[in-house]
Amino acid sequence: MKSLSIMAVVVLSALVVGCAATPGAGSWQCAANGLVNAHYTGGASAMIHLQGFSSGGQYPVKMNEQGTEASGTTANGTPFVCKKLP
């Protein structure tokens, strides 16, 4: 029984690690006028922090067909683009 429990833990650990990867993950670089900080990993939204604001926010992005560029607009209308680095 003990070896069965250990095997179950190993299998479940492998499943969790396999599911943790974000599709499109990799290095991305974002740009916007007044950009202080940005974080994007290839998902449905990007964290964008602009000058004049105490913190950033999560904003939806639209990915291009090639999956190499995601763009969106912040709440104050500032457009931003995040490009996947080679």
N, C-alpha and C. Protein backbone atom coordinates (compact mmCIF):
# COMPACT_ATOMS: atom_id res chain seq x y z
N MET A 1 0.82 -1.19 0.00
CA MET A 1 0.00 0.00 0.00
C MET A 1 0.86 1.26 0.00
N LYS A 2 1.97 1.22 0.74
CA LYS A 2 2.84 2.38 0.83
C LYS A 2 3.44 2.73 -0.53
N SER A 3 3.86 1.69 -1.30
CA SER A 3 4.43 1.96 -2.62
C SER A 3 3.37 2.50 -3.57
N LEU A 4 2.13 2.09 -3.41
CA LEU A 4 1.04 2.62 -4.23
C LEU A 4 0.82 4.10 -3.93
N SER A 5 0.89 4.49 -2.67
CA SER A 5 0.72 5.88 -2.28
C SER A 5 1.84 6.75 -2.83
N ILE A 6 3.06 6.25 -2.77
CA ILE A 6 4.21 6.99 -3.31
C ILE A 6 4.05 7.16 -4.81
N MET A 7 3.63 6.09 -5.49
CA MET A 7 3.44 6.16 -6.93
C MET A 7 2.35 7.18 -7.28
N ALA A 8 1.29 7.22 -6.50
CA ALA A 8 0.20 8.18 -6.74
C ALA A 8 0.71 9.61 -6.60
N VAL A 9 1.54 9.86 -5.60
CA VAL A 9 2.10 11.19 -5.39
C VAL A 9 2.99 11.59 -6.58
N VAL A 10 3.80 10.66 -7.06
CA VAL A 10 4.68 10.94 -8.20
C VAL A 10 3.86 11.27 -9.44
N VAL A 11 2.83 10.49 -9.71
CA VAL A 11 1.98 10.71 -10.89
C VAL A 11 1.25 12.05 -10.78
N LEU A 12 0.67 12.33 -9.62
CA LEU A 12 -0.04 13.59 -9.44
C LEU A 12 0.90 14.79 -9.54
N SER A 13 2.10 14.67 -9.03
CA SER A 13 3.09 15.74 -9.14
C SER A 13 3.43 16.01 -10.60
N ALA A 14 3.59 14.96 -11.38
CA ALA A 14 3.90 15.12 -12.80
C ALA A 14 2.75 15.81 -13.53
N LEU A 15 1.52 15.47 -13.18
CA LEU A 15 0.37 16.11 -13.81
C LEU A 15 0.30 17.60 -13.47
N VAL A 16 0.53 17.95 -12.21
CA VAL A 16 0.49 19.34 -11.79
C VAL A 16 1.56 20.14 -12.50
N VAL A 17 2.78 19.63 -12.57
CA VAL A 17 3.87 20.33 -13.25
C VAL A 17 3.54 20.49 -14.72
N GLY A 18 2.99 19.49 -15.35
CA GLY A 18 2.65 19.56 -16.76
C GLY A 18 1.57 20.58 -17.04
N CYS A 19 0.65 20.79 -16.11
CA CYS A 19 -0.44 21.73 -16.31
C CYS A 19 -0.05 23.16 -15.95
N ALA A 20 1.06 23.34 -15.28
CA ALA A 20 1.44 24.67 -14.82
C ALA A 20 1.96 25.56 -15.93
N ALA A 21 2.40 24.99 -17.03
CA ALA A 21 2.95 25.80 -18.12
C ALA A 21 1.83 26.58 -18.80
N THR A 22 2.07 27.86 -19.06
CA THR A 22 1.13 28.71 -19.75
C THR A 22 1.35 28.61 -21.24
N PRO A 23 0.28 28.38 -22.02
CA PRO A 23 0.46 28.36 -23.46
C PRO A 23 1.03 29.70 -23.92
N GLY A 24 1.99 29.66 -24.80
CA GLY A 24 2.60 30.88 -25.29
C GLY A 24 3.62 31.46 -24.34
N ALA A 25 3.93 30.73 -23.27
CA ALA A 25 4.88 31.25 -22.29
C ALA A 25 6.24 31.43 -22.95
N GLY A 26 6.99 32.33 -22.43
CA GLY A 26 8.31 32.66 -22.94
C GLY A 26 8.59 34.10 -22.55
N SER A 27 9.55 34.69 -23.21
CA SER A 27 9.90 36.07 -22.90
C SER A 27 9.14 37.02 -23.80
N TRP A 28 8.53 38.00 -23.19
CA TRP A 28 7.77 39.02 -23.90
C TRP A 28 8.27 40.39 -23.47
N GLN A 29 8.18 41.35 -24.38
CA GLN A 29 8.55 42.73 -24.07
C GLN A 29 7.38 43.63 -24.47
N CYS A 30 6.93 44.42 -23.51
CA CYS A 30 5.78 45.29 -23.75
C CYS A 30 6.22 46.74 -23.90
N ALA A 31 5.45 47.50 -24.67
CA ALA A 31 5.74 48.91 -24.89
C ALA A 31 4.44 49.71 -24.87
N ALA A 32 4.53 50.92 -24.31
CA ALA A 32 3.41 51.86 -24.29
C ALA A 32 3.97 53.22 -23.89
N ASN A 33 3.31 54.27 -24.28
CA ASN A 33 3.71 55.60 -23.84
C ASN A 33 3.55 55.69 -22.33
N GLY A 34 4.61 56.12 -21.63
CA GLY A 34 4.56 56.26 -20.19
C GLY A 34 4.63 54.96 -19.42
N LEU A 35 5.13 53.92 -20.05
CA LEU A 35 5.19 52.61 -19.37
C LEU A 35 6.21 52.63 -18.23
N VAL A 36 5.76 52.20 -17.06
CA VAL A 36 6.63 52.05 -15.89
C VAL A 36 7.05 50.60 -15.76
N ASN A 37 6.08 49.69 -15.86
CA ASN A 37 6.33 48.27 -15.68
C ASN A 37 5.24 47.50 -16.42
N ALA A 38 5.62 46.31 -16.89
CA ALA A 38 4.63 45.45 -17.57
C ALA A 38 5.00 44.00 -17.34
N HIS A 39 3.99 43.14 -17.37
CA HIS A 39 4.22 41.70 -17.24
C HIS A 39 3.21 40.98 -18.11
N TYR A 40 3.74 40.15 -19.02
CA TYR A 40 2.87 39.37 -19.90
C TYR A 40 3.51 38.02 -20.14
N THR A 41 2.70 36.96 -20.10
CA THR A 41 3.24 35.60 -20.26
C THR A 41 2.57 34.83 -21.39
N GLY A 42 1.79 35.52 -22.23
CA GLY A 42 1.16 34.84 -23.34
C GLY A 42 -0.29 34.50 -23.12
N GLY A 43 -0.88 34.95 -22.04
CA GLY A 43 -2.27 34.62 -21.73
C GLY A 43 -3.26 35.64 -22.28
N ALA A 44 -4.41 35.72 -21.64
CA ALA A 44 -5.50 36.57 -22.11
C ALA A 44 -5.39 38.02 -21.65
N SER A 45 -4.48 38.29 -20.70
CA SER A 45 -4.34 39.66 -20.21
C SER A 45 -2.89 39.98 -19.88
N ALA A 46 -2.60 41.28 -19.82
CA ALA A 46 -1.27 41.77 -19.48
C ALA A 46 -1.40 42.75 -18.31
N MET A 47 -0.39 42.78 -17.44
CA MET A 47 -0.35 43.77 -16.38
C MET A 47 0.44 44.95 -16.93
N ILE A 48 -0.20 46.11 -16.94
CA ILE A 48 0.43 47.32 -17.46
C ILE A 48 0.36 48.39 -16.38
N HIS A 49 1.52 49.01 -16.07
CA HIS A 49 1.61 50.08 -15.08
C HIS A 49 2.16 51.31 -15.80
N LEU A 50 1.37 52.36 -15.83
CA LEU A 50 1.75 53.60 -16.51
C LEU A 50 2.12 54.69 -15.53
N GLN A 51 2.94 55.64 -15.99
CA GLN A 51 3.31 56.81 -15.18
C GLN A 51 2.04 57.55 -14.77
N GLY A 52 2.07 58.10 -13.56
CA GLY A 52 0.94 58.86 -13.06
C GLY A 52 -0.06 58.01 -12.29
N PHE A 53 0.18 56.71 -12.25
CA PHE A 53 -0.70 55.80 -11.52
C PHE A 53 0.11 55.08 -10.46
N SER A 54 -0.50 54.84 -9.30
CA SER A 54 0.23 54.22 -8.19
C SER A 54 0.50 52.74 -8.42
N SER A 55 -0.29 52.11 -9.28
CA SER A 55 -0.08 50.70 -9.58
C SER A 55 -0.62 50.40 -10.97
N GLY A 56 -0.35 49.18 -11.41
CA GLY A 56 -0.82 48.77 -12.72
C GLY A 56 -2.14 48.03 -12.64
N GLY A 57 -2.63 47.66 -13.80
CA GLY A 57 -3.87 46.91 -13.87
C GLY A 57 -3.76 45.79 -14.90
N GLN A 58 -4.69 44.86 -14.84
CA GLN A 58 -4.76 43.77 -15.80
C GLN A 58 -5.67 44.19 -16.95
N TYR A 59 -5.17 44.07 -18.18
CA TYR A 59 -5.95 44.48 -19.34
C TYR A 59 -5.99 43.35 -20.36
N PRO A 60 -7.15 43.13 -20.96
CA PRO A 60 -7.26 42.07 -21.97
C PRO A 60 -6.42 42.39 -23.19
N VAL A 61 -5.93 41.34 -23.84
CA VAL A 61 -5.13 41.51 -25.05
C VAL A 61 -5.75 40.72 -26.19
N LYS A 62 -5.43 41.16 -27.40
CA LYS A 62 -5.81 40.42 -28.60
C LYS A 62 -4.51 39.96 -29.25
N MET A 63 -4.38 38.64 -29.45
CA MET A 63 -3.17 38.05 -30.01
C MET A 63 -3.27 38.03 -31.54
N ASN A 64 -2.13 38.30 -32.21
CA ASN A 64 -2.13 38.19 -33.66
C ASN A 64 -2.14 36.71 -34.08
N GLU A 65 -2.38 36.45 -35.34
CA GLU A 65 -2.50 35.07 -35.83
C GLU A 65 -1.23 34.26 -35.63
N GLN A 66 -0.08 34.91 -35.70
CA GLN A 66 1.20 34.21 -35.54
C GLN A 66 1.52 33.90 -34.08
N GLY A 67 0.79 34.52 -33.15
CA GLY A 67 1.06 34.31 -31.73
C GLY A 67 2.31 35.00 -31.26
N THR A 68 2.72 36.06 -31.96
CA THR A 68 3.96 36.75 -31.62
C THR A 68 3.75 38.16 -31.09
N GLU A 69 2.51 38.65 -31.13
CA GLU A 69 2.23 40.01 -30.71
C GLU A 69 0.85 40.09 -30.10
N ALA A 70 0.78 40.67 -28.91
CA ALA A 70 -0.49 40.87 -28.22
C ALA A 70 -0.67 42.36 -27.98
N SER A 71 -1.85 42.86 -28.27
CA SER A 71 -2.08 44.29 -28.09
C SER A 71 -3.36 44.53 -27.31
N GLY A 72 -3.43 45.69 -26.69
CA GLY A 72 -4.60 46.05 -25.91
C GLY A 72 -4.61 47.53 -25.62
N THR A 73 -5.57 47.94 -24.81
CA THR A 73 -5.72 49.34 -24.43
C THR A 73 -6.01 49.40 -22.94
N THR A 74 -5.34 50.33 -22.25
CA THR A 74 -5.56 50.49 -20.82
C THR A 74 -6.87 51.24 -20.57
N ALA A 75 -7.25 51.35 -19.32
CA ALA A 75 -8.51 52.00 -18.95
C ALA A 75 -8.53 53.47 -19.35
N ASN A 76 -7.36 54.12 -19.42
CA ASN A 76 -7.34 55.53 -19.80
C ASN A 76 -7.14 55.72 -21.30
N GLY A 77 -7.20 54.62 -22.07
CA GLY A 77 -7.12 54.71 -23.53
C GLY A 77 -5.73 54.59 -24.11
N THR A 78 -4.73 54.30 -23.29
CA THR A 78 -3.36 54.16 -23.78
C THR A 78 -3.19 52.79 -24.44
N PRO A 79 -2.83 52.78 -25.73
CA PRO A 79 -2.59 51.49 -26.38
C PRO A 79 -1.25 50.90 -25.94
N PHE A 80 -1.18 49.57 -25.90
CA PHE A 80 0.09 48.90 -25.59
C PHE A 80 0.22 47.68 -26.48
N VAL A 81 1.45 47.25 -26.65
CA VAL A 81 1.73 46.05 -27.43
C VAL A 81 2.82 45.25 -26.74
N CYS A 82 2.65 43.94 -26.69
CA CYS A 82 3.64 43.04 -26.12
C CYS A 82 4.10 42.11 -27.24
N LYS A 83 5.42 42.06 -27.45
CA LYS A 83 5.98 41.23 -28.52
C LYS A 83 6.80 40.10 -27.93
N LYS A 84 6.62 38.92 -28.51
CA LYS A 84 7.38 37.75 -28.07
C LYS A 84 8.81 37.88 -28.56
N LEU A 85 9.75 37.69 -27.66
CA LEU A 85 11.16 37.78 -28.03
C LEU A 85 11.63 36.47 -28.66
N PRO A 86 12.52 36.57 -29.63
CA PRO A 86 13.02 35.34 -30.28
C PRO A 86 13.84 34.47 -29.34
